[in-house]
Amino acid sequence: MPVVALLYAAAQVGAQSMQRYAAVPSSIVNILIGCIVVLVLIRSWLSARLREKEMKNHA
């Protein structure tokens, strides 16, 4: 978890810098972080389903 917290903080600081220097809305970073979280959750869900199917096939 500490690594995730550091990456999140770095993304937020980078977003603030981009907003200041390039006039890019910092909310874009929040959208990207949300997309990454959703993708990780989907991957975990699919992995669990595949393991479940393998268990049924071997039983």
C-alpha atoms as a PDB file:
ATOM      1  CA  MET A   1       0.000   0.000   0.000  1.00  0.00           C
ATOM      2  CA  PRO A   2       2.778   2.539   0.669  1.00  0.00           C
ATOM      3  CA  VAL A   3       3.884   2.238  -2.964  1.00  0.00           C
ATOM      4  CA  VAL A   4       0.358   2.924  -4.188  1.00  0.00           C
ATOM      5  CA  ALA A   5       0.098   5.935  -1.876  1.00  0.00           C
ATOM      6  CA  LEU A   6       3.375   7.331  -3.220  1.00  0.00           C
ATOM      7  CA  LEU A   7       2.289   6.848  -6.833  1.00  0.00           C
ATOM      8  CA  TYR A   8      -1.063   8.498  -6.125  1.00  0.00           C
ATOM      9  CA  ALA A   9       0.658  11.458  -4.456  1.00  0.00           C
ATOM     10  CA  ALA A  10       3.083  11.784  -7.367  1.00  0.00           C
ATOM     11  CA  ALA A  11       0.166  11.787  -9.816  1.00  0.00           C
ATOM     12  CA  GLN A  12      -1.585  14.515  -7.833  1.00  0.00           C
ATOM     13  CA  VAL A  13       1.547  16.677  -7.659  1.00  0.00           C
ATOM     14  CA  GLY A  14       2.140  16.140 -11.364  1.00  0.00           C
ATOM     15  CA  ALA A  15      -1.456  17.125 -12.079  1.00  0.00           C
ATOM     16  CA  GLN A  16      -1.044  20.346 -10.159  1.00  0.00           C
ATOM     17  CA  SER A  17       2.139  21.140 -12.069  1.00  0.00           C
ATOM     18  CA  MET A  18       0.481  20.400 -15.409  1.00  0.00           C
ATOM     19  CA  GLN A  19      -2.433  22.635 -14.465  1.00  0.00           C
ATOM     20  CA  ARG A  20      -0.110  25.479 -13.499  1.00  0.00           C
ATOM     21  CA  TYR A  21       2.292  25.324 -16.439  1.00  0.00           C
ATOM     22  CA  ALA A  22       0.282  23.845 -19.309  1.00  0.00           C
ATOM     23  CA  ALA A  23      -3.287  24.843 -18.389  1.00  0.00           C
ATOM     24  CA  VAL A  24      -4.326  21.178 -18.310  1.00  0.00           C
ATOM     25  CA  PRO A  25      -7.205  20.481 -15.901  1.00  0.00           C
ATOM     26  CA  SER A  26      -5.988  18.472 -12.894  1.00  0.00           C
ATOM     27  CA  SER A  27      -9.230  16.479 -12.913  1.00  0.00           C
ATOM     28  CA  ILE A  28      -7.857  14.545 -15.898  1.00  0.00           C
ATOM     29  CA  VAL A  29      -5.466  12.779 -13.507  1.00  0.00           C
ATOM     30  CA  ASN A  30      -8.386  11.776 -11.286  1.00  0.00           C
ATOM     31  CA  ILE A  31     -10.132  10.309 -14.321  1.00  0.00           C
ATOM     32  CA  LEU A  32      -6.987   8.361 -15.270  1.00  0.00           C
ATOM     33  CA  ILE A  33      -6.559   7.049 -11.725  1.00  0.00           C
ATOM     34  CA  GLY A  34     -10.204   5.956 -11.724  1.00  0.00           C
ATOM     35  CA  CYS A  35      -9.711   4.120 -15.024  1.00  0.00           C
ATOM     36  CA  ILE A  36      -6.647   2.343 -13.664  1.00  0.00           C
ATOM     37  CA  VAL A  37      -8.556   1.263 -10.547  1.00  0.00           C
ATOM     38  CA  VAL A  38     -11.424  -0.088 -12.669  1.00  0.00           C
ATOM     39  CA  LEU A  39      -9.005  -2.000 -14.911  1.00  0.00           C
ATOM     40  CA  VAL A  40      -7.248  -3.553 -11.907  1.00  0.00           C
ATOM     41  CA  LEU A  41     -10.592  -4.590 -10.431  1.00  0.00           C
ATOM     42  CA  ILE A  42     -11.708  -6.149 -13.732  1.00  0.00           C
ATOM     43  CA  ARG A  43      -8.439  -8.053 -13.985  1.00  0.00           C
ATOM     44  CA  SER A  44      -8.827  -9.391 -10.445  1.00  0.00           C
ATOM     45  CA  TRP A  45     -12.429 -10.398 -11.109  1.00  0.00           C
ATOM     46  CA  LEU A  46     -11.534 -12.190 -14.340  1.00  0.00           C
ATOM     47  CA  SER A  47      -8.634 -13.954 -12.672  1.00  0.00           C
ATOM     48  CA  ALA A  48     -10.906 -15.199  -9.876  1.00  0.00           C
ATOM     49  CA  ARG A  49     -13.464 -16.445 -12.404  1.00  0.00           C
ATOM     50  CA  LEU A  50     -10.816 -18.319 -14.375  1.00  0.00           C
ATOM     51  CA  ARG A  51      -9.506 -19.978 -11.212  1.00  0.00           C
ATOM     52  CA  GLU A  52     -13.062 -20.909 -10.267  1.00  0.00           C
ATOM     53  CA  LYS A  53     -13.664 -22.518 -13.662  1.00  0.00           C
ATOM     54  CA  GLU A  54     -10.379 -24.443 -13.428  1.00  0.00           C
ATOM     55  CA  MET A  55     -11.367 -25.760 -10.006  1.00  0.00           C
ATOM     56  CA  LYS A  56     -14.695 -26.991 -11.406  1.00  0.00           C
ATOM     57  CA  ASN A  57     -12.985 -28.671 -14.368  1.00  0.00           C
ATOM     58  CA  HIS A  58     -10.492 -30.522 -12.153  1.00  0.00           C
ATOM     59  CA  ALA A  59     -13.102 -31.671  -9.635  1.00  0.00           C
END
